[in-house]
N, C-alpha and C. Protein backbone atom coordinates (compact mmCIF):
# COMPACT_ATOMS: atom_id res chain seq x y z
N UNK A 1 -0.03 -13.61 17.84
CA UNK A 1 1.05 -12.64 17.70
C UNK A 1 0.78 -11.78 16.47
N UNK A 2 0.70 -10.47 16.61
CA UNK A 2 0.37 -9.58 15.48
C UNK A 2 1.43 -9.56 14.36
N UNK A 3 0.93 -9.29 13.18
CA UNK A 3 1.77 -9.16 11.99
C UNK A 3 1.44 -7.85 11.31
N UNK A 4 2.45 -7.29 10.66
CA UNK A 4 2.25 -6.04 9.92
C UNK A 4 2.54 -6.31 8.44
N UNK A 5 1.60 -5.91 7.61
CA UNK A 5 1.75 -5.98 6.15
C UNK A 5 2.09 -4.58 5.67
N UNK A 6 3.14 -4.47 4.86
CA UNK A 6 3.58 -3.15 4.37
C UNK A 6 3.81 -3.20 2.87
N UNK A 7 3.38 -2.15 2.19
CA UNK A 7 3.73 -1.91 0.79
C UNK A 7 4.60 -0.67 0.77
N UNK A 8 5.75 -0.77 0.14
CA UNK A 8 6.66 0.36 0.01
C UNK A 8 6.78 0.66 -1.48
N UNK A 9 6.43 1.89 -1.85
CA UNK A 9 6.41 2.27 -3.26
C UNK A 9 7.18 3.57 -3.45
N UNK A 10 8.28 3.45 -4.16
CA UNK A 10 9.06 4.64 -4.50
C UNK A 10 8.59 5.11 -5.88
N UNK A 11 8.21 6.38 -5.97
CA UNK A 11 7.66 6.90 -7.21
C UNK A 11 8.58 7.96 -7.82
N UNK A 12 8.38 8.22 -9.10
CA UNK A 12 9.17 9.23 -9.81
C UNK A 12 8.85 10.59 -9.20
N UNK A 13 9.87 11.30 -8.70
CA UNK A 13 9.61 12.57 -8.00
C UNK A 13 8.77 13.56 -8.80
N UNK A 14 9.01 13.67 -10.09
CA UNK A 14 8.26 14.63 -10.91
C UNK A 14 6.79 14.22 -11.10
N UNK A 15 6.45 12.98 -10.74
CA UNK A 15 5.08 12.47 -10.88
C UNK A 15 4.36 12.41 -9.53
N UNK A 16 4.90 13.07 -8.52
CA UNK A 16 4.35 13.03 -7.16
C UNK A 16 2.86 13.34 -7.13
N UNK A 17 2.46 14.44 -7.74
CA UNK A 17 1.06 14.86 -7.68
C UNK A 17 0.14 13.81 -8.30
N UNK A 18 0.48 13.32 -9.47
CA UNK A 18 -0.35 12.32 -10.14
C UNK A 18 -0.38 11.01 -9.34
N UNK A 19 0.75 10.62 -8.80
CA UNK A 19 0.83 9.40 -7.99
C UNK A 19 -0.08 9.51 -6.77
N UNK A 20 0.00 10.63 -6.07
CA UNK A 20 -0.79 10.81 -4.85
C UNK A 20 -2.28 10.98 -5.16
N UNK A 21 -2.62 11.55 -6.30
CA UNK A 21 -4.03 11.63 -6.70
C UNK A 21 -4.61 10.22 -6.89
N UNK A 22 -3.84 9.35 -7.51
CA UNK A 22 -4.29 7.96 -7.65
C UNK A 22 -4.38 7.27 -6.29
N UNK A 23 -3.48 7.62 -5.40
CA UNK A 23 -3.52 7.02 -4.06
C UNK A 23 -4.82 7.38 -3.34
N UNK A 24 -5.34 8.55 -3.61
CA UNK A 24 -6.64 8.94 -3.03
C UNK A 24 -7.74 7.99 -3.50
N UNK A 25 -7.61 7.47 -4.71
CA UNK A 25 -8.59 6.50 -5.22
C UNK A 25 -8.48 5.18 -4.45
N UNK A 26 -7.26 4.79 -4.09
CA UNK A 26 -7.08 3.60 -3.26
C UNK A 26 -7.72 3.79 -1.89
N UNK A 27 -7.58 4.98 -1.32
CA UNK A 27 -8.20 5.28 -0.03
C UNK A 27 -9.72 5.13 -0.15
N UNK A 28 -10.28 5.68 -1.21
CA UNK A 28 -11.72 5.59 -1.44
C UNK A 28 -12.15 4.12 -1.57
N UNK A 29 -11.37 3.33 -2.28
CA UNK A 29 -11.67 1.91 -2.43
C UNK A 29 -11.69 1.22 -1.07
N UNK A 30 -10.71 1.51 -0.23
CA UNK A 30 -10.67 0.93 1.12
C UNK A 30 -11.90 1.31 1.93
N UNK A 31 -12.27 2.57 1.85
CA UNK A 31 -13.40 3.07 2.64
C UNK A 31 -14.73 2.51 2.18
N UNK A 32 -14.88 2.29 0.88
CA UNK A 32 -16.16 1.91 0.32
C UNK A 32 -16.36 0.41 0.14
N UNK A 33 -15.30 -0.37 0.30
CA UNK A 33 -15.39 -1.81 0.06
C UNK A 33 -15.38 -2.57 1.37
N UNK A 34 -16.51 -3.18 1.69
CA UNK A 34 -16.62 -3.93 2.94
C UNK A 34 -15.61 -5.07 2.97
N UNK A 35 -14.92 -5.20 4.09
CA UNK A 35 -13.94 -6.27 4.26
C UNK A 35 -12.58 -5.99 3.67
N UNK A 36 -12.44 -4.85 2.98
CA UNK A 36 -11.15 -4.52 2.36
C UNK A 36 -10.20 -4.05 3.44
N UNK A 37 -8.95 -4.50 3.42
CA UNK A 37 -7.99 -4.09 4.46
C UNK A 37 -7.82 -2.57 4.49
N UNK A 38 -7.85 -2.04 5.70
CA UNK A 38 -7.66 -0.60 5.91
C UNK A 38 -6.21 -0.38 6.33
N UNK A 39 -5.55 0.57 5.73
CA UNK A 39 -4.16 0.82 6.07
C UNK A 39 -3.90 2.27 6.38
N UNK A 40 -2.76 2.50 6.98
CA UNK A 40 -2.26 3.86 7.19
C UNK A 40 -1.18 4.11 6.16
N UNK A 41 -1.15 5.33 5.70
CA UNK A 41 -0.17 5.71 4.69
C UNK A 41 0.79 6.74 5.26
N UNK A 42 2.05 6.61 4.84
CA UNK A 42 3.09 7.51 5.31
C UNK A 42 3.95 7.97 4.14
N UNK A 43 4.32 9.24 4.19
CA UNK A 43 5.32 9.80 3.28
C UNK A 43 6.51 10.18 4.16
N UNK A 44 7.68 9.60 3.92
CA UNK A 44 8.82 9.90 4.78
C UNK A 44 9.16 11.39 4.80
N UNK A 45 9.38 11.87 5.98
CA UNK A 45 9.83 13.25 6.18
C UNK A 45 11.34 13.25 6.37
N UNK A 46 11.81 12.27 7.11
CA UNK A 46 13.23 12.10 7.39
C UNK A 46 13.46 10.63 7.67
N UNK A 47 14.55 10.08 7.18
CA UNK A 47 14.83 8.67 7.45
C UNK A 47 15.52 8.00 6.29
N UNK A 48 15.51 6.68 6.31
CA UNK A 48 16.19 5.87 5.31
C UNK A 48 15.54 5.98 3.93
N UNK A 49 14.22 5.99 3.93
CA UNK A 49 13.49 6.08 2.65
C UNK A 49 13.47 7.52 2.15
N UNK A 50 13.56 7.67 0.85
CA UNK A 50 13.51 9.00 0.25
C UNK A 50 12.10 9.57 0.33
N UNK A 51 11.99 10.87 0.17
CA UNK A 51 10.69 11.54 0.31
C UNK A 51 9.74 11.21 -0.84
N UNK A 52 10.22 10.60 -1.89
CA UNK A 52 9.35 10.16 -2.98
C UNK A 52 8.96 8.68 -2.79
N UNK A 53 8.62 8.36 -1.55
CA UNK A 53 8.22 7.01 -1.18
C UNK A 53 6.89 7.08 -0.43
N UNK A 54 6.00 6.17 -0.78
CA UNK A 54 4.74 6.01 -0.04
C UNK A 54 4.80 4.66 0.66
N UNK A 55 4.46 4.67 1.93
CA UNK A 55 4.40 3.43 2.71
C UNK A 55 2.97 3.23 3.18
N UNK A 56 2.41 2.06 2.86
CA UNK A 56 1.09 1.67 3.33
C UNK A 56 1.31 0.51 4.29
N UNK A 57 0.64 0.55 5.46
CA UNK A 57 0.79 -0.56 6.37
C UNK A 57 -0.49 -0.81 7.16
N UNK A 58 -0.67 -2.08 7.54
CA UNK A 58 -1.83 -2.47 8.31
C UNK A 58 -1.43 -3.66 9.18
N UNK A 59 -2.04 -3.77 10.36
CA UNK A 59 -1.73 -4.87 11.28
C UNK A 59 -2.82 -5.91 11.27
N UNK A 60 -2.40 -7.16 11.49
CA UNK A 60 -3.30 -8.30 11.50
C UNK A 60 -2.95 -9.20 12.67
N UNK A 61 -3.94 -9.88 13.20
CA UNK A 61 -3.75 -10.73 14.38
C UNK A 61 -2.95 -12.00 14.09
N UNK A 62 -2.95 -12.45 12.84
CA UNK A 62 -2.23 -13.67 12.50
C UNK A 62 -1.61 -13.55 11.11
N UNK A 63 -0.67 -14.42 10.84
CA UNK A 63 -0.06 -14.47 9.51
C UNK A 63 -1.10 -14.85 8.47
N UNK A 64 -2.03 -15.73 8.85
CA UNK A 64 -3.09 -16.13 7.93
C UNK A 64 -3.97 -14.95 7.54
N UNK A 65 -4.29 -14.09 8.50
CA UNK A 65 -5.09 -12.90 8.21
C UNK A 65 -4.33 -11.95 7.29
N UNK A 66 -3.05 -11.78 7.54
CA UNK A 66 -2.23 -10.92 6.68
C UNK A 66 -2.19 -11.47 5.25
N UNK A 67 -2.04 -12.80 5.12
CA UNK A 67 -2.00 -13.41 3.80
C UNK A 67 -3.34 -13.31 3.09
N UNK A 68 -4.44 -13.48 3.84
CA UNK A 68 -5.77 -13.33 3.24
C UNK A 68 -5.98 -11.90 2.74
N UNK A 69 -5.52 -10.93 3.52
CA UNK A 69 -5.64 -9.53 3.09
C UNK A 69 -4.83 -9.29 1.83
N UNK A 70 -3.63 -9.82 1.78
CA UNK A 70 -2.79 -9.66 0.60
C UNK A 70 -3.44 -10.32 -0.61
N UNK A 71 -4.01 -11.48 -0.43
CA UNK A 71 -4.70 -12.17 -1.52
C UNK A 71 -5.91 -11.36 -2.00
N UNK A 72 -6.68 -10.83 -1.04
CA UNK A 72 -7.87 -10.04 -1.41
C UNK A 72 -7.46 -8.80 -2.21
N UNK A 73 -6.44 -8.12 -1.74
CA UNK A 73 -5.94 -6.92 -2.45
C UNK A 73 -5.47 -7.30 -3.85
N UNK A 74 -4.68 -8.34 -3.93
CA UNK A 74 -4.09 -8.76 -5.21
C UNK A 74 -5.12 -9.21 -6.24
N UNK A 75 -6.25 -9.73 -5.76
CA UNK A 75 -7.25 -10.28 -6.67
C UNK A 75 -8.48 -9.41 -6.85
N UNK A 76 -8.50 -8.24 -6.24
CA UNK A 76 -9.66 -7.37 -6.37
C UNK A 76 -9.58 -6.60 -7.69
N UNK A 77 -10.59 -6.72 -8.56
CA UNK A 77 -10.50 -6.09 -9.89
C UNK A 77 -10.36 -4.56 -9.85
N UNK A 78 -11.03 -3.90 -8.94
CA UNK A 78 -10.90 -2.43 -8.88
C UNK A 78 -9.52 -2.02 -8.40
N UNK A 79 -8.97 -2.80 -7.48
CA UNK A 79 -7.61 -2.51 -7.02
C UNK A 79 -6.62 -2.71 -8.17
N UNK A 80 -6.80 -3.77 -8.91
CA UNK A 80 -5.90 -4.06 -10.04
C UNK A 80 -5.95 -2.95 -11.09
N UNK A 81 -7.14 -2.44 -11.37
CA UNK A 81 -7.29 -1.35 -12.34
C UNK A 81 -6.52 -0.12 -11.87
N UNK A 82 -6.68 0.25 -10.61
CA UNK A 82 -5.96 1.40 -10.07
C UNK A 82 -4.46 1.15 -10.05
N UNK A 83 -4.08 -0.05 -9.66
CA UNK A 83 -2.66 -0.41 -9.61
C UNK A 83 -2.00 -0.25 -10.98
N UNK A 84 -2.68 -0.71 -12.02
CA UNK A 84 -2.11 -0.60 -13.38
C UNK A 84 -1.95 0.86 -13.81
N UNK A 85 -2.80 1.74 -13.30
CA UNK A 85 -2.66 3.17 -13.59
C UNK A 85 -1.47 3.78 -12.85
N UNK A 86 -1.16 3.23 -11.68
CA UNK A 86 -0.10 3.78 -10.84
C UNK A 86 1.29 3.23 -11.18
N UNK A 87 1.35 2.02 -11.69
CA UNK A 87 2.62 1.35 -11.99
C UNK A 87 3.58 2.21 -12.84
N UNK A 88 3.11 2.93 -13.85
CA UNK A 88 4.06 3.73 -14.63
C UNK A 88 4.82 4.79 -13.82
N UNK A 89 4.32 5.12 -12.63
CA UNK A 89 4.98 6.12 -11.80
C UNK A 89 6.00 5.50 -10.84
N UNK A 90 6.06 4.16 -10.77
CA UNK A 90 6.96 3.49 -9.83
C UNK A 90 8.41 3.53 -10.29
N UNK A 91 9.29 3.72 -9.32
CA UNK A 91 10.71 3.47 -9.52
C UNK A 91 11.07 2.13 -8.88
N UNK A 92 10.37 1.81 -7.81
CA UNK A 92 10.59 0.57 -7.08
C UNK A 92 9.37 0.31 -6.21
N UNK A 93 9.08 -0.94 -5.96
CA UNK A 93 7.97 -1.29 -5.08
C UNK A 93 8.21 -2.69 -4.53
N UNK A 94 7.87 -2.88 -3.26
CA UNK A 94 8.00 -4.19 -2.66
C UNK A 94 7.02 -4.32 -1.50
N UNK A 95 6.79 -5.58 -1.12
CA UNK A 95 5.87 -5.91 -0.05
C UNK A 95 6.67 -6.57 1.08
N UNK A 96 6.28 -6.22 2.31
CA UNK A 96 6.94 -6.78 3.48
C UNK A 96 5.88 -7.29 4.46
N UNK A 97 6.21 -8.32 5.20
CA UNK A 97 5.39 -8.77 6.32
C UNK A 97 6.32 -8.89 7.52
N UNK A 98 5.93 -8.25 8.61
CA UNK A 98 6.70 -8.27 9.85
C UNK A 98 5.93 -9.02 10.92
N UNK A 99 6.66 -9.74 11.76
CA UNK A 99 6.09 -10.40 12.91
C UNK A 99 6.42 -9.58 14.15
N UNK A 100 5.43 -9.38 15.00
CA UNK A 100 5.65 -8.63 16.24
C UNK A 100 6.58 -9.43 17.15
N UNK A 101 7.43 -8.74 17.87
CA UNK A 101 8.39 -9.39 18.76
C UNK A 101 8.06 -9.04 20.20
């Protein structure tokens, strides 16, 4: 049964450009690092989340695979370096895992 891993990051509206420039570095990391989870990114146009929100999500075949991906992301030194640069722009951030129904 598939699972979806999501990161939801609300950023300071006035820091949008700097936040998204750093996000491009995360994209590069995903593309260049073998085995690194690949995700789709969304900026809300209309909906519950405000437009100063970035949503990253990726699907996995099992909960174990989703957890392994989360562990890999959390423990990757290059990801951590980029994350620490981006944190000052956060207003809120959280992680979600969904089970397919």
